[in-house]
Amino acid sequence: MNTATRPRGDVQRQTNLDAIRSVVKDRSAWGDLLREERRFIEFMERCNALLDYVDKLKADFDDLSLVHEAILEHATSIENEMERYNREIGEDLAVAQRVQRALLPDAGHSFHSVFEVAIHHRQLAEVGGDYYDFFSFPDGRYAVGVYDISGHGVSSALIMAFLKSQFAHATKDLRDPGAIVDWVNRSAYSFLREVRRYSTVNFVVFTPSFLRYVSGGGYGLLVRRGAPRHFNRVSNFIGLRQKPFQEFELPFESNDVLALYTDGMFEAQGANGESYSVQRLNDIVVKHCEEPVQTILDRCIEDYTRFRVADTDDITLIILRRCA
């Protein structure tokens, strides 16, 4: 900013300061100043003007200090409130995590005499939308469901609890996977549309020699005598459309292996930017199909862990083998 555009008061203060500096730095100027009364009076006026300005600056600084202290006190109060709020959220999420874990079943309780089961289930956050469930029917048949609710976090976890109750109700009166999933979809449709959520589904009912399934968005692989059979995934998701779910059947006998999983593993990327693939996971299951199911699952997770840079979604992987 040049002199022509500077405020008049700033120009005058700079002139006064320059005049005082010239006297202070030059001893001979003091003598001339003392010999000329007019110049001395002018000099004193300049000094008084600068002193008044300094006093004003000090008053302004004191006012700013008070404002700063008030702002600092308010910021400290906000910080303490945020810490308290975050602590409460953390405590609530910890409770929600324990509740969600309690809602997940223990496969060994009802399946141990019929299937060998190994499960890997990990949520991206404290709670999430992946879940699985096991069912037993009065006629001795069993069923398993694997689901992936859109989104993450608490909202998906709440919907998970809602769908779990819907499936528990449906399996009391219905036996066929298509009828069960269709009932849940019709009963949950309006709610899911309102909250703008949906869920993939793999629902499998086991008979003594076969499995019958509905697959909408989920993944399933059956390995029978070393040969892979992939689930037909043509069905729609729960909460997207109100139309019948297609049901399919595959042979499933002693020592056959079934893998059910969500898409969480396939959204992760390796160091080179390449995504983990369905084919890669399936190849590992087929390669180790003669080993115990826990070993098969461990091989899959070890390979995925070595490959991925970081998890990007909830993950559920279940390996079952029909016992002899």
C-alpha atoms as a PDB file:
ATOM      1  CA  MET A   1       0.000   0.000   0.000  1.00  0.00           C
ATOM      2  CA  ASN A   2       1.554   3.358  -1.023  1.00  0.00           C
ATOM      3  CA  THR A   3       1.227   6.647   0.893  1.00  0.00           C
ATOM      4  CA  ALA A   4      -1.571   7.872  -1.361  1.00  0.00           C
ATOM      5  CA  THR A   5      -3.808   4.948  -0.477  1.00  0.00           C
ATOM      6  CA  ARG A   6      -2.975   4.611   3.237  1.00  0.00           C
ATOM      7  CA  PRO A   7      -5.434   6.021   5.833  1.00  0.00           C
ATOM      8  CA  ARG A   8      -4.638   9.590   6.913  1.00  0.00           C
ATOM      9  CA  GLY A   9      -4.164   8.624  10.553  1.00  0.00           C
ATOM     10  CA  ASP A  10      -1.616   5.935   9.627  1.00  0.00           C
ATOM     11  CA  VAL A  11       0.353   8.469   7.494  1.00  0.00           C
ATOM     12  CA  GLN A  12       0.432  10.983  10.344  1.00  0.00           C
ATOM     13  CA  ARG A  13       1.593   8.395  12.883  1.00  0.00           C
ATOM     14  CA  GLN A  14       4.354   7.265  10.539  1.00  0.00           C
ATOM     15  CA  THR A  15       5.445  10.905  10.063  1.00  0.00           C
ATOM     16  CA  ASN A  16       5.557  11.434  13.820  1.00  0.00           C
ATOM     17  CA  LEU A  17       7.553   8.234  14.310  1.00  0.00           C
ATOM     18  CA  ASP A  18      10.058   9.177  11.600  1.00  0.00           C
ATOM     19  CA  ALA A  19      10.546  12.630  13.148  1.00  0.00           C
ATOM     20  CA  ILE A  20      11.201  11.177  16.629  1.00  0.00           C
ATOM     21  CA  ARG A  21      13.625   8.592  15.221  1.00  0.00           C
ATOM     22  CA  SER A  22      15.595  11.276  13.415  1.00  0.00           C
ATOM     23  CA  VAL A  23      16.078  13.210  16.662  1.00  0.00           C
ATOM     24  CA  VAL A  24      16.913  10.143  18.775  1.00  0.00           C
ATOM     25  CA  LYS A  25      19.564   8.881  16.322  1.00  0.00           C
ATOM     26  CA  ASP A  26      21.272  12.301  15.760  1.00  0.00           C
ATOM     27  CA  ARG A  27      22.833  13.975  18.823  1.00  0.00           C
ATOM     28  CA  SER A  28      23.288  17.276  17.027  1.00  0.00           C
ATOM     29  CA  ALA A  29      19.578  17.369  16.322  1.00  0.00           C
ATOM     30  CA  TRP A  30      18.914  17.564  20.059  1.00  0.00           C
ATOM     31  CA  GLY A  31      20.805  20.835  20.295  1.00  0.00           C
ATOM     32  CA  ASP A  32      18.911  22.333  17.359  1.00  0.00           C
ATOM     33  CA  LEU A  33      15.655  21.110  18.875  1.00  0.00           C
ATOM     34  CA  LEU A  34      16.407  22.706  22.276  1.00  0.00           C
ATOM     35  CA  ARG A  35      17.457  26.016  20.738  1.00  0.00           C
ATOM     36  CA  GLU A  36      14.247  26.371  18.709  1.00  0.00           C
ATOM     37  CA  GLU A  37      11.142  26.537  20.868  1.00  0.00           C
ATOM     38  CA  ARG A  38       8.774  26.008  17.936  1.00  0.00           C
ATOM     39  CA  ARG A  39      10.479  22.815  16.847  1.00  0.00           C
ATOM     40  CA  PHE A  40      10.651  21.578  20.433  1.00  0.00           C
ATOM     41  CA  ILE A  41       6.930  22.140  20.954  1.00  0.00           C
ATOM     42  CA  GLU A  42       6.179  20.348  17.659  1.00  0.00           C
ATOM     43  CA  PHE A  43       8.412  17.459  18.734  1.00  0.00           C
ATOM     44  CA  MET A  44       6.598  17.129  22.061  1.00  0.00           C
ATOM     45  CA  GLU A  45       3.259  17.162  20.280  1.00  0.00           C
ATOM     46  CA  ARG A  46       4.436  14.313  18.086  1.00  0.00           C
ATOM     47  CA  CYS A  47       5.593  12.363  21.159  1.00  0.00           C
ATOM     48  CA  ASN A  48       2.273  12.936  22.931  1.00  0.00           C
ATOM     49  CA  ALA A  49       0.370  11.823  19.813  1.00  0.00           C
ATOM     50  CA  LEU A  50       2.373   8.596  19.669  1.00  0.00           C
ATOM     51  CA  LEU A  51       1.924   8.020  23.399  1.00  0.00           C
ATOM     52  CA  ASP A  52      -1.834   8.421  22.984  1.00  0.00           C
ATOM     53  CA  TYR A  53      -1.722   5.882  20.151  1.00  0.00           C
ATOM     54  CA  VAL A  54       0.307   3.445  22.274  1.00  0.00           C
ATOM     55  CA  ASP A  55      -2.209   3.838  25.110  1.00  0.00           C
ATOM     56  CA  LYS A  56      -5.018   3.064  22.643  1.00  0.00           C
ATOM     57  CA  LEU A  57      -3.155  -0.005  21.377  1.00  0.00           C
ATOM     58  CA  LYS A  58      -2.678  -1.213  24.943  1.00  0.00           C
ATOM     59  CA  ALA A  59      -6.400  -0.784  25.660  1.00  0.00           C
ATOM     60  CA  ASP A  60      -7.263  -2.641  22.459  1.00  0.00           C
ATOM     61  CA  PHE A  61      -4.794  -5.387  23.386  1.00  0.00           C
ATOM     62  CA  ASP A  62      -6.355  -5.707  26.837  1.00  0.00           C
ATOM     63  CA  ASP A  63      -9.790  -6.021  25.238  1.00  0.00           C
ATOM     64  CA  LEU A  64      -8.497  -8.644  22.797  1.00  0.00           C
ATOM     65  CA  SER A  65      -6.923 -10.555  25.670  1.00  0.00           C
ATOM     66  CA  LEU A  66     -10.286 -10.703  27.411  1.00  0.00           C
ATOM     67  CA  VAL A  67     -11.942 -11.886  24.184  1.00  0.00           C
ATOM     68  CA  HIS A  68      -9.186 -14.467  23.697  1.00  0.00           C
ATOM     69  CA  GLU A  69      -9.640 -15.775  27.228  1.00  0.00           C
ATOM     70  CA  ALA A  70     -13.389 -16.038  26.682  1.00  0.00           C
ATOM     71  CA  ILE A  71     -12.894 -17.855  23.378  1.00  0.00           C
ATOM     72  CA  LEU A  72     -10.331 -20.204  24.949  1.00  0.00           C
ATOM     73  CA  GLU A  73     -12.674 -20.935  27.848  1.00  0.00           C
ATOM     74  CA  HIS A  74     -15.527 -21.629  25.420  1.00  0.00           C
ATOM     75  CA  ALA A  75     -13.310 -23.828  23.228  1.00  0.00           C
ATOM     76  CA  THR A  76     -12.178 -25.771  26.289  1.00  0.00           C
ATOM     77  CA  SER A  77     -15.808 -26.248  27.290  1.00  0.00           C
ATOM     78  CA  ILE A  78     -16.655 -27.508  23.791  1.00  0.00           C
ATOM     79  CA  GLU A  79     -13.639 -29.839  23.807  1.00  0.00           C
ATOM     80  CA  ASN A  80     -14.661 -31.282  27.172  1.00  0.00           C
ATOM     81  CA  GLU A  81     -18.226 -31.716  25.920  1.00  0.00           C
ATOM     82  CA  MET A  82     -16.985 -33.464  22.773  1.00  0.00           C
ATOM     83  CA  GLU A  83     -14.789 -35.778  24.841  1.00  0.00           C
ATOM     84  CA  ARG A  84     -17.766 -36.639  27.032  1.00  0.00           C
ATOM     85  CA  TYR A  85     -19.962 -37.122  23.963  1.00  0.00           C
ATOM     86  CA  ASN A  86     -17.368 -39.345  22.247  1.00  0.00           C
ATOM     87  CA  ARG A  87     -16.945 -41.353  25.435  1.00  0.00           C
ATOM     88  CA  GLU A  88     -20.695 -41.918  25.666  1.00  0.00           C
ATOM     89  CA  ILE A  89     -20.842 -42.902  21.994  1.00  0.00           C
ATOM     90  CA  GLY A  90     -17.949 -45.317  22.543  1.00  0.00           C
ATOM     91  CA  GLU A  91     -19.722 -46.862  25.516  1.00  0.00           C
ATOM     92  CA  ASP A  92     -22.987 -47.152  23.552  1.00  0.00           C
ATOM     93  CA  LEU A  93     -21.189 -48.736  20.594  1.00  0.00           C
ATOM     94  CA  ALA A  94     -19.479 -51.206  22.921  1.00  0.00           C
ATOM     95  CA  VAL A  95     -22.885 -52.245  24.271  1.00  0.00           C
ATOM     96  CA  ALA A  96     -24.284 -52.444  20.726  1.00  0.00           C
ATOM     97  CA  GLN A  97     -21.326 -54.606  19.705  1.00  0.00           C
ATOM     98  CA  ARG A  98     -21.957 -57.023  22.580  1.00  0.00           C
ATOM     99  CA  VAL A  99     -25.665 -57.154  21.724  1.00  0.00           C
ATOM    100  CA  GLN A 100     -24.950 -57.852  18.059  1.00  0.00           C
ATOM    101  CA  ARG A 101     -22.466 -60.581  18.924  1.00  0.00           C
ATOM    102  CA  ALA A 102     -25.056 -62.132  21.215  1.00  0.00           C
ATOM    103  CA  LEU A 103     -27.524 -62.207  18.302  1.00  0.00           C
ATOM    104  CA  LEU A 104     -25.135 -64.288  16.200  1.00  0.00           C
ATOM    105  CA  PRO A 105     -25.687 -68.012  16.764  1.00  0.00           C
ATOM    106  CA  ASP A 106     -23.311 -70.707  17.864  1.00  0.00           C
ATOM    107  CA  ALA A 107     -23.377 -73.231  15.047  1.00  0.00           C
ATOM    108  CA  GLY A 108     -22.105 -76.039  17.227  1.00  0.00           C
ATOM    109  CA  HIS A 109     -25.201 -75.919  19.400  1.00  0.00           C
ATOM    110  CA  SER A 110     -27.560 -77.431  16.827  1.00  0.00           C
ATOM    111  CA  PHE A 111     -25.390 -78.369  13.854  1.00  0.00           C
ATOM    112  CA  HIS A 112     -22.563 -80.389  15.377  1.00  0.00           C
ATOM    113  CA  SER A 113     -24.151 -83.786  14.725  1.00  0.00           C
ATOM    114  CA  VAL A 114     -24.923 -83.023  11.075  1.00  0.00           C
ATOM    115  CA  PHE A 115     -22.289 -80.566   9.836  1.00  0.00           C
ATOM    116  CA  GLU A 116     -18.758 -79.472  10.481  1.00  0.00           C
ATOM    117  CA  VAL A 117     -18.871 -75.674  10.541  1.00  0.00           C
ATOM    118  CA  ALA A 118     -16.206 -72.958  10.511  1.00  0.00           C
ATOM    119  CA  ILE A 119     -17.099 -69.270  10.560  1.00  0.00           C
ATOM    120  CA  HIS A 120     -15.180 -66.054   9.951  1.00  0.00           C
ATOM    121  CA  HIS A 121     -17.237 -62.955  10.738  1.00  0.00           C
ATOM    122  CA  ARG A 122     -15.725 -59.486  11.063  1.00  0.00           C
ATOM    123  CA  GLN A 123     -17.441 -56.106  11.018  1.00  0.00           C
ATOM    124  CA  LEU A 124     -15.636 -53.099   9.561  1.00  0.00           C
ATOM    125  CA  ALA A 125     -16.759 -50.935  12.509  1.00  0.00           C
ATOM    126  CA  GLU A 126     -17.960 -51.808  16.011  1.00  0.00           C
ATOM    127  CA  VAL A 127     -21.267 -52.948  14.535  1.00  0.00           C
ATOM    128  CA  GLY A 128     -22.300 -53.635  10.969  1.00  0.00           C
ATOM    129  CA  GLY A 129     -24.705 -55.184   8.496  1.00  0.00           C
ATOM    130  CA  ASP A 130     -23.241 -58.631   7.765  1.00  0.00           C
ATOM    131  CA  TYR A 131     -24.882 -61.416   9.683  1.00  0.00           C
ATOM    132  CA  TYR A 132     -25.678 -65.105   9.545  1.00  0.00           C
ATOM    133  CA  ASP A 133     -28.118 -67.414  11.270  1.00  0.00           C
ATOM    134  CA  PHE A 134     -28.894 -71.111  11.681  1.00  0.00           C
ATOM    135  CA  PHE A 135     -32.338 -72.686  11.888  1.00  0.00           C
ATOM    136  CA  SER A 136     -33.731 -76.094  12.759  1.00  0.00           C
ATOM    137  CA  PHE A 137     -37.179 -77.329  11.733  1.00  0.00           C
ATOM    138  CA  PRO A 138     -39.456 -79.734  13.609  1.00  0.00           C
ATOM    139  CA  ASP A 139     -39.070 -82.340  10.851  1.00  0.00           C
ATOM    140  CA  GLY A 140     -35.299 -82.548  11.529  1.00  0.00           C
ATOM    141  CA  ARG A 141     -34.102 -80.402   8.659  1.00  0.00           C
ATOM    142  CA  TYR A 142     -31.707 -77.483   9.071  1.00  0.00           C
ATOM    143  CA  ALA A 143     -31.187 -74.163   7.345  1.00  0.00           C
ATOM    144  CA  VAL A 144     -28.528 -71.462   7.221  1.00  0.00           C
ATOM    145  CA  GLY A 145     -28.832 -67.863   6.103  1.00  0.00           C
ATOM    146  CA  VAL A 146     -26.113 -65.337   5.227  1.00  0.00           C
ATOM    147  CA  TYR A 147     -27.014 -61.699   4.648  1.00  0.00           C
ATOM    148  CA  ASP A 148     -25.324 -58.388   3.830  1.00  0.00           C
ATOM    149  CA  ILE A 149     -27.329 -55.246   4.588  1.00  0.00           C
ATOM    150  CA  SER A 150     -26.459 -52.141   2.601  1.00  0.00           C
ATOM    151  CA  GLY A 151     -24.441 -49.504   4.422  1.00  0.00           C
ATOM    152  CA  HIS A 152     -22.402 -49.811   7.577  1.00  0.00           C
ATOM    153  CA  GLY A 153     -22.599 -49.025  11.251  1.00  0.00           C
ATOM    154  CA  VAL A 154     -25.482 -48.728  13.665  1.00  0.00           C
ATOM    155  CA  SER A 155     -28.276 -48.307  11.104  1.00  0.00           C
ATOM    156  CA  SER A 156     -27.323 -51.527   9.333  1.00  0.00           C
ATOM    157  CA  ALA A 157     -27.003 -53.314  12.673  1.00  0.00           C
ATOM    158  CA  LEU A 158     -30.531 -52.278  13.640  1.00  0.00           C
ATOM    159  CA  ILE A 159     -31.875 -53.578  10.340  1.00  0.00           C
ATOM    160  CA  MET A 160     -29.941 -56.799  10.905  1.00  0.00           C
ATOM    161  CA  ALA A 161     -31.787 -57.306  14.216  1.00  0.00           C
ATOM    162  CA  PHE A 162     -35.094 -56.562  12.483  1.00  0.00           C
ATOM    163  CA  LEU A 163     -34.483 -59.072   9.666  1.00  0.00           C
ATOM    164  CA  LYS A 164     -33.298 -61.693  12.130  1.00  0.00           C
ATOM    165  CA  SER A 165     -36.649 -61.516  13.904  1.00  0.00           C
ATOM    166  CA  GLN A 166     -38.488 -61.707  10.568  1.00  0.00           C
ATOM    167  CA  PHE A 167     -36.641 -64.873   9.529  1.00  0.00           C
ATOM    168  CA  ALA A 168     -37.183 -66.416  12.954  1.00  0.00           C
ATOM    169  CA  HIS A 169     -40.897 -65.830  12.550  1.00  0.00           C
ATOM    170  CA  ALA A 170     -41.030 -67.103   8.960  1.00  0.00           C
ATOM    171  CA  THR A 171     -39.240 -70.362   9.741  1.00  0.00           C
ATOM    172  CA  LYS A 172     -41.840 -71.253  12.352  1.00  0.00           C
ATOM    173  CA  ASP A 173     -44.534 -71.869   9.754  1.00  0.00           C
ATOM    174  CA  LEU A 174     -42.750 -72.217   6.407  1.00  0.00           C
ATOM    175  CA  ARG A 175     -40.249 -74.840   5.213  1.00  0.00           C
ATOM    176  CA  ASP A 176     -39.198 -73.998   1.650  1.00  0.00           C
ATOM    177  CA  PRO A 177     -36.410 -71.405   1.183  1.00  0.00           C
ATOM    178  CA  GLY A 178     -38.294 -69.582  -1.570  1.00  0.00           C
ATOM    179  CA  ALA A 179     -41.423 -69.242   0.566  1.00  0.00           C
ATOM    180  CA  ILE A 180     -39.424 -68.163   3.629  1.00  0.00           C
ATOM    181  CA  VAL A 181     -37.434 -65.445   1.843  1.00  0.00           C
ATOM    182  CA  ASP A 182     -40.531 -64.258  -0.025  1.00  0.00           C
ATOM    183  CA  TRP A 183     -42.468 -63.896   3.238  1.00  0.00           C
ATOM    184  CA  VAL A 184     -39.636 -61.896   4.820  1.00  0.00           C
ATOM    185  CA  ASN A 185     -39.344 -59.678   1.751  1.00  0.00           C
ATOM    186  CA  ARG A 186     -43.052 -58.896   1.687  1.00  0.00           C
ATOM    187  CA  SER A 187     -43.208 -58.262   5.419  1.00  0.00           C
ATOM    188  CA  ALA A 188     -40.080 -56.049   5.479  1.00  0.00           C
ATOM    189  CA  TYR A 189     -40.498 -54.354   2.106  1.00  0.00           C
ATOM    190  CA  SER A 190     -42.244 -51.131   3.191  1.00  0.00           C
ATOM    191  CA  PHE A 191     -39.892 -50.616   6.120  1.00  0.00           C
ATOM    192  CA  LEU A 192     -36.741 -51.207   4.073  1.00  0.00           C
ATOM    193  CA  ARG A 193     -37.951 -48.879   1.334  1.00  0.00           C
ATOM    194  CA  GLU A 194     -38.657 -46.183   3.912  1.00  0.00           C
ATOM    195  CA  VAL A 195     -35.168 -46.376   5.436  1.00  0.00           C
ATOM    196  CA  ARG A 196     -33.587 -46.875   1.991  1.00  0.00           C
ATOM    197  CA  ARG A 197     -31.852 -50.112   2.805  1.00  0.00           C
ATOM    198  CA  TYR A 198     -31.798 -53.585   1.271  1.00  0.00           C
ATOM    199  CA  SER A 199     -30.113 -56.889   1.976  1.00  0.00           C
ATOM    200  CA  THR A 200     -28.464 -59.609  -0.046  1.00  0.00           C
ATOM    201  CA  VAL A 201     -29.530 -63.115   0.864  1.00  0.00           C
ATOM    202  CA  ASN A 202     -28.265 -66.691   0.755  1.00  0.00           C
ATOM    203  CA  PHE A 203     -30.818 -68.938   2.395  1.00  0.00           C
ATOM    204  CA  VAL A 204     -30.162 -72.678   2.282  1.00  0.00           C
ATOM    205  CA  VAL A 205     -32.371 -75.519   3.527  1.00  0.00           C
ATOM    206  CA  PHE A 206     -30.740 -78.941   3.881  1.00  0.00           C
ATOM    207  CA  THR A 207     -32.469 -82.255   3.197  1.00  0.00           C
ATOM    208  CA  PRO A 208     -30.753 -85.631   3.749  1.00  0.00           C
ATOM    209  CA  SER A 209     -29.313 -85.716   0.228  1.00  0.00           C
ATOM    210  CA  PHE A 210     -29.866 -82.251  -1.218  1.00  0.00           C
ATOM    211  CA  LEU A 211     -29.743 -78.573  -0.436  1.00  0.00           C
ATOM    212  CA  ARG A 212     -32.344 -76.112  -1.706  1.00  0.00           C
ATOM    213  CA  TYR A 213     -31.406 -72.466  -1.797  1.00  0.00           C
ATOM    214  CA  VAL A 214     -32.335 -68.894  -2.692  1.00  0.00           C
ATOM    215  CA  SER A 215     -29.446 -66.619  -3.617  1.00  0.00           C
ATOM    216  CA  GLY A 216     -29.935 -62.919  -4.219  1.00  0.00           C
ATOM    217  CA  GLY A 217     -26.640 -61.040  -4.207  1.00  0.00           C
ATOM    218  CA  GLY A 218     -24.888 -63.519  -1.920  1.00  0.00           C
ATOM    219  CA  TYR A 219     -22.257 -66.054  -2.952  1.00  0.00           C
ATOM    220  CA  GLY A 220     -22.331 -69.831  -2.638  1.00  0.00           C
ATOM    221  CA  LEU A 221     -19.955 -72.588  -3.751  1.00  0.00           C
ATOM    222  CA  LEU A 222     -20.607 -76.326  -3.419  1.00  0.00           C
ATOM    223  CA  VAL A 223     -17.629 -78.675  -3.815  1.00  0.00           C
ATOM    224  CA  ARG A 224     -18.713 -82.264  -4.496  1.00  0.00           C
ATOM    225  CA  ARG A 225     -15.998 -84.879  -5.042  1.00  0.00           C
ATOM    226  CA  GLY A 226     -13.559 -82.085  -5.909  1.00  0.00           C
ATOM    227  CA  ALA A 227     -15.844 -80.503  -8.530  1.00  0.00           C
ATOM    228  CA  PRO A 228     -17.169 -76.976  -7.885  1.00  0.00           C
ATOM    229  CA  ARG A 229     -20.812 -75.965  -8.393  1.00  0.00           C
ATOM    230  CA  HIS A 230     -21.662 -72.258  -8.117  1.00  0.00           C
ATOM    231  CA  PHE A 231     -24.913 -70.904  -6.751  1.00  0.00           C
ATOM    232  CA  ASN A 232     -27.304 -69.360  -9.241  1.00  0.00           C
ATOM    233  CA  ARG A 233     -27.574 -65.729  -8.051  1.00  0.00           C
ATOM    234  CA  VAL A 234     -30.550 -64.639 -10.167  1.00  0.00           C
ATOM    235  CA  SER A 235     -32.877 -63.778  -7.267  1.00  0.00           C
ATOM    236  CA  ASN A 236     -33.401 -60.172  -6.234  1.00  0.00           C
ATOM    237  CA  PHE A 237     -32.307 -58.586  -2.963  1.00  0.00           C
ATOM    238  CA  ILE A 238     -34.582 -58.316   0.051  1.00  0.00           C
ATOM    239  CA  GLY A 239     -36.227 -54.903   0.054  1.00  0.00           C
ATOM    240  CA  LEU A 240     -35.689 -54.049  -3.628  1.00  0.00           C
ATOM    241  CA  ARG A 241     -38.674 -55.624  -5.407  1.00  0.00           C
ATOM    242  CA  GLN A 242     -41.826 -57.482  -4.565  1.00  0.00           C
ATOM    243  CA  LYS A 243     -41.556 -60.509  -6.801  1.00  0.00           C
ATOM    244  CA  PRO A 244     -41.098 -64.248  -6.118  1.00  0.00           C
ATOM    245  CA  PHE A 245     -37.640 -65.569  -5.290  1.00  0.00           C
ATOM    246  CA  GLN A 246     -36.327 -68.404  -7.440  1.00  0.00           C
ATOM    247  CA  GLU A 247     -35.382 -71.587  -5.656  1.00  0.00           C
ATOM    248  CA  PHE A 248     -32.725 -74.066  -6.805  1.00  0.00           C
ATOM    249  CA  GLU A 249     -31.560 -77.515  -5.713  1.00  0.00           C
ATOM    250  CA  LEU A 250     -28.142 -79.212  -5.631  1.00  0.00           C
ATOM    251  CA  PRO A 251     -27.046 -82.642  -4.356  1.00  0.00           C
ATOM    252  CA  PHE A 252     -25.330 -82.347  -0.987  1.00  0.00           C
ATOM    253  CA  GLU A 253     -24.201 -85.557   0.695  1.00  0.00           C
ATOM    254  CA  SER A 254     -21.544 -86.857   3.061  1.00  0.00           C
ATOM    255  CA  ASN A 255     -18.149 -85.039   2.803  1.00  0.00           C
ATOM    256  CA  ASP A 256     -19.479 -82.418   0.382  1.00  0.00           C
ATOM    257  CA  VAL A 257     -18.300 -78.885   1.230  1.00  0.00           C
ATOM    258  CA  LEU A 258     -20.351 -75.706   1.054  1.00  0.00           C
ATOM    259  CA  ALA A 259     -18.931 -72.172   1.230  1.00  0.00           C
ATOM    260  CA  LEU A 260     -21.263 -69.211   1.794  1.00  0.00           C
ATOM    261  CA  TYR A 261     -19.948 -65.642   1.844  1.00  0.00           C
ATOM    262  CA  THR A 262     -20.709 -61.958   1.373  1.00  0.00           C
ATOM    263  CA  ASP A 263     -18.841 -59.615  -0.956  1.00  0.00           C
ATOM    264  CA  GLY A 264     -16.687 -57.936   1.715  1.00  0.00           C
ATOM    265  CA  MET A 265     -13.489 -59.715   0.707  1.00  0.00           C
ATOM    266  CA  PHE A 266     -13.863 -58.823  -2.966  1.00  0.00           C
ATOM    267  CA  GLU A 267     -14.088 -55.076  -2.373  1.00  0.00           C
ATOM    268  CA  ALA A 268     -10.596 -55.002  -0.837  1.00  0.00           C
ATOM    269  CA  GLN A 269      -7.582 -54.214  -3.011  1.00  0.00           C
ATOM    270  CA  GLY A 270      -3.984 -55.338  -2.990  1.00  0.00           C
ATOM    271  CA  ALA A 271      -0.864 -53.170  -3.104  1.00  0.00           C
ATOM    272  CA  ASN A 272      -1.014 -53.006  -6.913  1.00  0.00           C
ATOM    273  CA  GLY A 273      -4.657 -51.833  -6.932  1.00  0.00           C
ATOM    274  CA  GLU A 274      -6.019 -55.196  -8.047  1.00  0.00           C
ATOM    275  CA  SER A 275      -9.199 -56.409  -6.323  1.00  0.00           C
ATOM    276  CA  TYR A 276      -9.461 -59.741  -4.549  1.00  0.00           C
ATOM    277  CA  SER A 277     -11.610 -62.013  -6.723  1.00  0.00           C
ATOM    278  CA  VAL A 278     -14.392 -64.545  -6.257  1.00  0.00           C
ATOM    279  CA  GLN A 279     -12.423 -66.990  -8.399  1.00  0.00           C
ATOM    280  CA  ARG A 280      -9.378 -66.706  -6.152  1.00  0.00           C
ATOM    281  CA  LEU A 281     -11.407 -67.537  -3.056  1.00  0.00           C
ATOM    282  CA  ASN A 282     -13.223 -70.384  -4.784  1.00  0.00           C
ATOM    283  CA  ASP A 283      -9.943 -71.891  -5.988  1.00  0.00           C
ATOM    284  CA  ILE A 284      -8.652 -72.041  -2.416  1.00  0.00           C
ATOM    285  CA  VAL A 285     -11.827 -73.768  -1.203  1.00  0.00           C
ATOM    286  CA  VAL A 286     -11.599 -76.342  -3.994  1.00  0.00           C
ATOM    287  CA  LYS A 287      -7.862 -76.903  -3.464  1.00  0.00           C
ATOM    288  CA  HIS A 288      -8.290 -77.653   0.259  1.00  0.00           C
ATOM    289  CA  CYS A 289     -11.734 -79.308   0.118  1.00  0.00           C
ATOM    290  CA  GLU A 290     -10.440 -82.578   1.607  1.00  0.00           C
ATOM    291  CA  GLU A 291      -9.087 -80.832   4.720  1.00  0.00           C
ATOM    292  CA  PRO A 292     -11.061 -79.962   7.886  1.00  0.00           C
ATOM    293  CA  VAL A 293     -13.418 -77.028   7.401  1.00  0.00           C
ATOM    294  CA  GLN A 294     -11.512 -74.864   9.890  1.00  0.00           C
ATOM    295  CA  THR A 295      -8.338 -75.449   7.875  1.00  0.00           C
ATOM    296  CA  ILE A 296     -10.137 -74.507   4.655  1.00  0.00           C
ATOM    297  CA  LEU A 297     -11.383 -71.313   6.246  1.00  0.00           C
ATOM    298  CA  ASP A 298      -7.961 -70.490   7.706  1.00  0.00           C
ATOM    299  CA  ARG A 299      -6.340 -70.913   4.280  1.00  0.00           C
ATOM    300  CA  CYS A 300      -8.873 -68.513   2.756  1.00  0.00           C
ATOM    301  CA  ILE A 301      -8.402 -65.854   5.420  1.00  0.00           C
ATOM    302  CA  GLU A 302      -4.608 -66.176   5.363  1.00  0.00           C
ATOM    303  CA  ASP A 303      -4.544 -65.661   1.598  1.00  0.00           C
ATOM    304  CA  TYR A 304      -6.910 -62.711   1.793  1.00  0.00           C
ATOM    305  CA  THR A 305      -4.939 -61.098   4.632  1.00  0.00           C
ATOM    306  CA  ARG A 306      -1.671 -61.366   2.718  1.00  0.00           C
ATOM    307  CA  PHE A 307      -3.322 -59.880  -0.363  1.00  0.00           C
ATOM    308  CA  ARG A 308      -5.315 -56.926   0.916  1.00  0.00           C
ATOM    309  CA  VAL A 309      -3.953 -53.570   2.051  1.00  0.00           C
ATOM    310  CA  ALA A 310      -6.935 -52.850   4.311  1.00  0.00           C
ATOM    311  CA  ASP A 311     -10.459 -54.120   4.925  1.00  0.00           C
ATOM    312  CA  THR A 312     -13.117 -52.028   3.193  1.00  0.00           C
ATOM    313  CA  ASP A 313     -16.329 -53.842   4.159  1.00  0.00           C
ATOM    314  CA  ASP A 314     -17.851 -56.287   6.624  1.00  0.00           C
ATOM    315  CA  ILE A 315     -16.803 -59.884   5.968  1.00  0.00           C
ATOM    316  CA  THR A 316     -18.653 -63.151   6.505  1.00  0.00           C
ATOM    317  CA  LEU A 317     -17.375 -66.536   5.333  1.00  0.00           C
ATOM    318  CA  ILE A 318     -18.910 -69.859   6.402  1.00  0.00           C
ATOM    319  CA  ILE A 319     -17.550 -73.294   5.458  1.00  0.00           C
ATOM    320  CA  LEU A 320     -19.735 -76.395   6.068  1.00  0.00           C
ATOM    321  CA  ARG A 321     -19.181 -80.084   5.455  1.00  0.00           C
ATOM    322  CA  ARG A 322     -21.925 -82.660   5.785  1.00  0.00           C
ATOM    323  CA  CYS A 323     -20.824 -85.276   8.284  1.00  0.00           C
ATOM    324  CA  ALA A 324     -20.742 -88.964   7.365  1.00  0.00           C
END
